[in-house]
Amino acid sequence: MSLTMSLPSDTAPYSVLHEQPPPCFLWIYHLDTTADAHHTEELQTMTDHTETSSALTSTLDSQVTEWREAQQTINTLQAKLNRLHGETSRRHSTLLALLAVTQLVLAVLVLAILIAR
């Protein structure tokens, strides 16, 4: 049994088992291969974009890691600074108290000297 079909460009029936396809099939084949080439280009572009995206993601991940490490260092330094500020504040208060006591002692000595004359 032979499969046949009529093509608008051909008046004779075409056998599917025929070795040479008529020109319209060549045109469809050309469109198909052109589409394949276009899809190949699109796939290559998508692959390139994926590789670029992966590289950017990797870079971003490493920058986020560095930022987190820097933030941890900042937090540690801030805690040390707060502790030092607390110690300094206590020492300052102690020095002010000592100064007040010293001034009081000096005032008493000056008064004692003035009374002794």
N, C-alpha and C. Protein backbone atom coordinates (compact mmCIF):
# COMPACT_ATOMS: atom_id res chain seq x y z
N MET A 1 0.84 -1.16 0.00
CA MET A 1 0.00 0.00 0.00
C MET A 1 0.90 1.23 0.00
N SER A 2 0.54 2.19 -0.79
CA SER A 2 1.31 3.41 -0.93
C SER A 2 0.49 4.57 -0.38
N LEU A 3 1.12 5.37 0.47
CA LEU A 3 0.45 6.56 0.99
C LEU A 3 0.66 7.70 0.01
N THR A 4 -0.39 8.38 -0.34
CA THR A 4 -0.25 9.49 -1.27
C THR A 4 -0.96 10.71 -0.73
N MET A 5 -0.48 11.87 -1.16
CA MET A 5 -1.13 13.13 -0.82
C MET A 5 -0.90 14.10 -1.97
N SER A 6 -1.80 15.04 -2.10
CA SER A 6 -1.66 16.04 -3.15
C SER A 6 -1.12 17.32 -2.54
N LEU A 7 -0.19 17.92 -3.21
CA LEU A 7 0.40 19.17 -2.78
C LEU A 7 -0.07 20.27 -3.71
N PRO A 8 -0.30 21.47 -3.20
CA PRO A 8 -0.78 22.54 -4.06
C PRO A 8 0.20 22.86 -5.19
N SER A 9 1.49 22.70 -4.97
CA SER A 9 2.46 23.04 -6.01
C SER A 9 2.64 21.91 -7.01
N ASP A 10 2.24 20.72 -6.63
CA ASP A 10 2.40 19.58 -7.53
C ASP A 10 1.02 19.11 -8.00
N THR A 11 0.95 18.69 -9.23
CA THR A 11 -0.32 18.15 -9.75
C THR A 11 -0.35 16.64 -9.61
N ALA A 12 0.81 16.01 -9.53
CA ALA A 12 0.85 14.55 -9.41
C ALA A 12 0.86 14.17 -7.94
N PRO A 13 0.28 13.02 -7.62
CA PRO A 13 0.35 12.57 -6.23
C PRO A 13 1.79 12.28 -5.82
N TYR A 14 2.08 12.42 -4.52
CA TYR A 14 3.44 12.25 -4.00
C TYR A 14 3.47 11.02 -3.10
N SER A 15 4.41 10.17 -3.32
CA SER A 15 4.57 8.98 -2.51
C SER A 15 5.43 9.33 -1.30
N VAL A 16 4.96 8.98 -0.10
CA VAL A 16 5.72 9.28 1.12
C VAL A 16 7.03 8.51 1.11
N LEU A 17 7.07 7.42 0.43
CA LEU A 17 8.29 6.62 0.38
C LEU A 17 9.24 7.11 -0.69
N HIS A 18 8.89 8.14 -1.42
CA HIS A 18 9.72 8.71 -2.48
C HIS A 18 10.99 9.26 -1.87
N GLU A 19 12.11 9.17 -2.59
CA GLU A 19 13.40 9.59 -2.04
C GLU A 19 13.55 11.10 -1.94
N GLN A 20 13.13 11.85 -2.88
CA GLN A 20 13.30 13.30 -2.89
C GLN A 20 11.98 13.98 -2.54
N PRO A 21 11.91 14.72 -1.46
CA PRO A 21 10.66 15.41 -1.15
C PRO A 21 10.45 16.60 -2.08
N PRO A 22 9.21 16.98 -2.30
CA PRO A 22 8.95 18.13 -3.16
C PRO A 22 9.45 19.42 -2.51
N PRO A 23 9.54 20.54 -3.25
CA PRO A 23 10.10 21.80 -2.75
C PRO A 23 9.41 22.34 -1.50
N CYS A 24 8.12 22.14 -1.36
CA CYS A 24 7.46 22.70 -0.17
C CYS A 24 7.97 22.03 1.09
N PHE A 25 8.33 20.72 1.02
CA PHE A 25 8.88 20.06 2.20
C PHE A 25 10.28 20.59 2.50
N LEU A 26 11.03 20.93 1.49
CA LEU A 26 12.35 21.53 1.71
C LEU A 26 12.19 22.88 2.41
N TRP A 27 11.19 23.63 2.01
CA TRP A 27 10.94 24.93 2.63
C TRP A 27 10.55 24.75 4.10
N ILE A 28 9.69 23.76 4.40
CA ILE A 28 9.31 23.47 5.78
C ILE A 28 10.53 23.00 6.56
N TYR A 29 11.37 22.16 5.93
CA TYR A 29 12.59 21.70 6.58
C TYR A 29 13.50 22.89 6.89
N HIS A 30 13.61 23.81 5.95
CA HIS A 30 14.44 25.01 6.15
C HIS A 30 13.91 25.82 7.34
N LEU A 31 12.59 25.99 7.39
CA LEU A 31 12.01 26.72 8.53
C LEU A 31 12.29 25.99 9.83
N ASP A 32 12.19 24.68 9.80
CA ASP A 32 12.42 23.88 11.00
C ASP A 32 13.86 24.01 11.46
N THR A 33 14.82 23.91 10.54
CA THR A 33 16.23 24.03 10.92
C THR A 33 16.55 25.45 11.34
N THR A 34 15.90 26.44 10.71
CA THR A 34 16.11 27.82 11.14
C THR A 34 15.58 28.01 12.55
N ALA A 35 14.42 27.42 12.83
CA ALA A 35 13.86 27.49 14.18
C ALA A 35 14.76 26.78 15.17
N ASP A 36 15.31 25.62 14.76
CA ASP A 36 16.24 24.90 15.64
C ASP A 36 17.46 25.76 15.94
N ALA A 37 18.01 26.41 14.91
CA ALA A 37 19.17 27.27 15.13
C ALA A 37 18.81 28.42 16.07
N HIS A 38 17.62 28.99 15.86
CA HIS A 38 17.18 30.08 16.73
C HIS A 38 17.01 29.59 18.17
N HIS A 39 16.43 28.39 18.33
CA HIS A 39 16.27 27.82 19.67
C HIS A 39 17.62 27.51 20.30
N THR A 40 18.56 27.06 19.46
CA THR A 40 19.91 26.79 19.96
C THR A 40 20.55 28.08 20.46
N GLU A 41 20.38 29.18 19.71
CA GLU A 41 20.90 30.47 20.16
C GLU A 41 20.23 30.90 21.46
N GLU A 42 18.92 30.71 21.54
CA GLU A 42 18.20 31.07 22.76
C GLU A 42 18.68 30.24 23.94
N LEU A 43 18.87 28.94 23.69
CA LEU A 43 19.37 28.07 24.76
C LEU A 43 20.76 28.49 25.21
N GLN A 44 21.61 28.86 24.24
CA GLN A 44 22.97 29.31 24.58
C GLN A 44 22.90 30.60 25.39
N THR A 45 22.02 31.52 24.97
CA THR A 45 21.85 32.77 25.71
C THR A 45 21.35 32.50 27.11
N MET A 46 20.38 31.58 27.23
CA MET A 46 19.86 31.23 28.56
C MET A 46 20.95 30.58 29.41
N THR A 47 21.77 29.74 28.78
CA THR A 47 22.88 29.10 29.50
C THR A 47 23.86 30.16 29.98
N ASP A 48 24.20 31.11 29.09
CA ASP A 48 25.10 32.19 29.47
C ASP A 48 24.52 33.00 30.62
N HIS A 49 23.22 33.30 30.53
CA HIS A 49 22.58 34.07 31.60
C HIS A 49 22.57 33.28 32.90
N THR A 50 22.36 31.97 32.80
CA THR A 50 22.37 31.13 34.00
C THR A 50 23.75 31.11 34.63
N GLU A 51 24.79 31.00 33.80
CA GLU A 51 26.16 31.01 34.31
C GLU A 51 26.47 32.35 34.96
N THR A 52 26.06 33.44 34.30
CA THR A 52 26.28 34.77 34.86
C THR A 52 25.53 34.93 36.17
N SER A 53 24.30 34.46 36.19
CA SER A 53 23.48 34.53 37.41
C SER A 53 24.11 33.72 38.53
N SER A 54 24.63 32.55 38.21
CA SER A 54 25.28 31.72 39.22
C SER A 54 26.53 32.42 39.77
N ALA A 55 27.30 33.02 38.87
CA ALA A 55 28.50 33.75 39.31
C ALA A 55 28.13 34.93 40.20
N LEU A 56 27.09 35.66 39.79
CA LEU A 56 26.65 36.80 40.60
C LEU A 56 26.10 36.35 41.94
N THR A 57 25.38 35.24 41.94
CA THR A 57 24.85 34.71 43.20
C THR A 57 25.98 34.30 44.12
N SER A 58 26.99 33.67 43.56
CA SER A 58 28.15 33.26 44.36
C SER A 58 28.86 34.48 44.94
N THR A 59 29.05 35.51 44.09
CA THR A 59 29.68 36.74 44.56
C THR A 59 28.84 37.39 45.65
N LEU A 60 27.55 37.45 45.43
CA LEU A 60 26.65 38.05 46.41
C LEU A 60 26.68 37.27 47.72
N ASP A 61 26.69 35.94 47.63
CA ASP A 61 26.75 35.11 48.84
C ASP A 61 28.03 35.39 49.63
N SER A 62 29.15 35.50 48.92
CA SER A 62 30.41 35.77 49.63
C SER A 62 30.40 37.17 50.23
N GLN A 63 29.79 38.14 49.53
CA GLN A 63 29.71 39.50 50.08
C GLN A 63 28.79 39.53 51.30
N VAL A 64 27.71 38.77 51.26
CA VAL A 64 26.80 38.71 52.41
C VAL A 64 27.53 38.07 53.60
N THR A 65 28.32 37.04 53.34
CA THR A 65 29.09 36.41 54.40
C THR A 65 30.08 37.40 55.00
N GLU A 66 30.78 38.15 54.14
CA GLU A 66 31.73 39.16 54.62
C GLU A 66 31.00 40.23 55.42
N TRP A 67 29.82 40.64 54.95
CA TRP A 67 29.04 41.67 55.65
C TRP A 67 28.63 41.16 57.02
N ARG A 68 28.20 39.90 57.11
CA ARG A 68 27.79 39.33 58.40
C ARG A 68 28.97 39.26 59.36
N GLU A 69 30.14 38.89 58.83
CA GLU A 69 31.34 38.85 59.68
C GLU A 69 31.69 40.25 60.17
N ALA A 70 31.61 41.22 59.26
CA ALA A 70 31.89 42.61 59.64
C ALA A 70 30.87 43.10 60.66
N GLN A 71 29.60 42.75 60.47
CA GLN A 71 28.56 43.14 61.42
C GLN A 71 28.80 42.52 62.78
N GLN A 72 29.26 41.28 62.80
CA GLN A 72 29.56 40.61 64.07
C GLN A 72 30.74 41.31 64.75
N THR A 73 31.75 41.70 63.98
CA THR A 73 32.89 42.43 64.53
C THR A 73 32.45 43.77 65.10
N ILE A 74 31.58 44.46 64.36
CA ILE A 74 31.05 45.75 64.83
C ILE A 74 30.29 45.56 66.13
N ASN A 75 29.45 44.52 66.20
CA ASN A 75 28.69 44.27 67.42
C ASN A 75 29.60 43.98 68.60
N THR A 76 30.67 43.21 68.36
CA THR A 76 31.64 42.90 69.42
C THR A 76 32.33 44.17 69.89
N LEU A 77 32.77 45.00 68.94
CA LEU A 77 33.43 46.25 69.30
C LEU A 77 32.48 47.19 70.03
N GLN A 78 31.23 47.23 69.62
CA GLN A 78 30.23 48.07 70.28
C GLN A 78 30.02 47.62 71.73
N ALA A 79 29.99 46.30 71.94
CA ALA A 79 29.84 45.78 73.31
C ALA A 79 31.05 46.16 74.16
N LYS A 80 32.25 46.05 73.60
CA LYS A 80 33.46 46.45 74.33
C LYS A 80 33.44 47.93 74.64
N LEU A 81 33.03 48.73 73.66
CA LEU A 81 32.97 50.18 73.86
C LEU A 81 31.97 50.53 74.96
N ASN A 82 30.82 49.87 74.95
CA ASN A 82 29.83 50.12 76.00
C ASN A 82 30.37 49.74 77.38
N ARG A 83 31.09 48.63 77.44
CA ARG A 83 31.68 48.20 78.72
C ARG A 83 32.73 49.22 79.19
N LEU A 84 33.58 49.66 78.25
CA LEU A 84 34.60 50.65 78.61
C LEU A 84 33.96 51.98 79.02
N HIS A 85 32.88 52.34 78.32
CA HIS A 85 32.18 53.57 78.68
C HIS A 85 31.62 53.47 80.09
N GLY A 86 31.07 52.32 80.44
CA GLY A 86 30.56 52.11 81.79
C GLY A 86 31.66 52.21 82.83
N GLU A 87 32.81 51.58 82.56
CA GLU A 87 33.94 51.65 83.48
C GLU A 87 34.44 53.07 83.62
N THR A 88 34.55 53.77 82.51
CA THR A 88 35.02 55.15 82.52
C THR A 88 34.06 56.04 83.30
N SER A 89 32.78 55.81 83.10
CA SER A 89 31.77 56.59 83.81
C SER A 89 31.87 56.36 85.32
N ARG A 90 32.06 55.11 85.74
CA ARG A 90 32.22 54.82 87.18
C ARG A 90 33.50 55.47 87.72
N ARG A 91 34.59 55.37 86.98
CA ARG A 91 35.85 55.99 87.42
C ARG A 91 35.70 57.51 87.50
N HIS A 92 35.01 58.08 86.54
CA HIS A 92 34.79 59.52 86.54
C HIS A 92 34.01 59.93 87.78
N SER A 93 32.97 59.16 88.09
CA SER A 93 32.18 59.45 89.30
C SER A 93 33.04 59.34 90.55
N THR A 94 33.90 58.32 90.59
CA THR A 94 34.78 58.13 91.74
C THR A 94 35.75 59.31 91.86
N LEU A 95 36.31 59.74 90.73
CA LEU A 95 37.25 60.87 90.76
C LEU A 95 36.55 62.16 91.20
N LEU A 96 35.31 62.37 90.75
CA LEU A 96 34.57 63.55 91.18
C LEU A 96 34.32 63.52 92.69
N ALA A 97 34.01 62.34 93.22
CA ALA A 97 33.80 62.20 94.66
C ALA A 97 35.09 62.49 95.42
N LEU A 98 36.21 61.95 94.91
CA LEU A 98 37.50 62.22 95.55
C LEU A 98 37.85 63.70 95.49
N LEU A 99 37.56 64.35 94.40
CA LEU A 99 37.81 65.78 94.26
C LEU A 99 36.98 66.58 95.26
N ALA A 100 35.73 66.19 95.41
CA ALA A 100 34.87 66.87 96.38
C ALA A 100 35.40 66.71 97.80
N VAL A 101 35.82 65.49 98.13
CA VAL A 101 36.38 65.24 99.46
C VAL A 101 37.66 66.03 99.64
N THR A 102 38.52 66.07 98.63
CA THR A 102 39.77 66.82 98.70
C THR A 102 39.49 68.30 98.90
N GLN A 103 38.53 68.85 98.19
CA GLN A 103 38.19 70.26 98.35
C GLN A 103 37.65 70.53 99.75
N LEU A 104 36.87 69.62 100.27
CA LEU A 104 36.35 69.77 101.63
C LEU A 104 37.47 69.75 102.65
N VAL A 105 38.41 68.82 102.48
CA VAL A 105 39.56 68.74 103.39
C VAL A 105 40.38 70.01 103.31
N LEU A 106 40.63 70.53 102.11
CA LEU A 106 41.39 71.77 101.94
C LEU A 106 40.65 72.95 102.58
N ALA A 107 39.34 72.98 102.42
CA ALA A 107 38.57 74.07 103.04
C ALA A 107 38.66 74.01 104.55
N VAL A 108 38.61 72.81 105.10
CA VAL A 108 38.74 72.65 106.55
C VAL A 108 40.13 73.07 107.01
N LEU A 109 41.18 72.68 106.26
CA LEU A 109 42.55 73.06 106.61
C LEU A 109 42.73 74.58 106.56
N VAL A 110 42.21 75.21 105.50
CA VAL A 110 42.32 76.66 105.38
C VAL A 110 41.58 77.33 106.54
N LEU A 111 40.43 76.84 106.87
CA LEU A 111 39.66 77.39 107.97
C LEU A 111 40.40 77.19 109.29
N ALA A 112 41.01 76.03 109.47
CA ALA A 112 41.77 75.75 110.70
C ALA A 112 42.97 76.68 110.81
N ILE A 113 43.63 76.92 109.69
CA ILE A 113 44.79 77.82 109.68
C ILE A 113 44.34 79.24 110.02
N LEU A 114 43.24 79.66 109.46
CA LEU A 114 42.75 81.01 109.72
C LEU A 114 42.31 81.16 111.18
N ILE A 115 41.73 80.15 111.74
CA ILE A 115 41.31 80.21 113.13
C ILE A 115 42.53 80.18 114.06
N ALA A 116 43.55 79.45 113.70
CA ALA A 116 44.74 79.30 114.52
C ALA A 116 45.53 80.61 114.57
N ARG A 117 45.40 81.50 113.72
CA ARG A 117 46.16 82.74 113.73
C ARG A 117 45.64 83.65 114.72
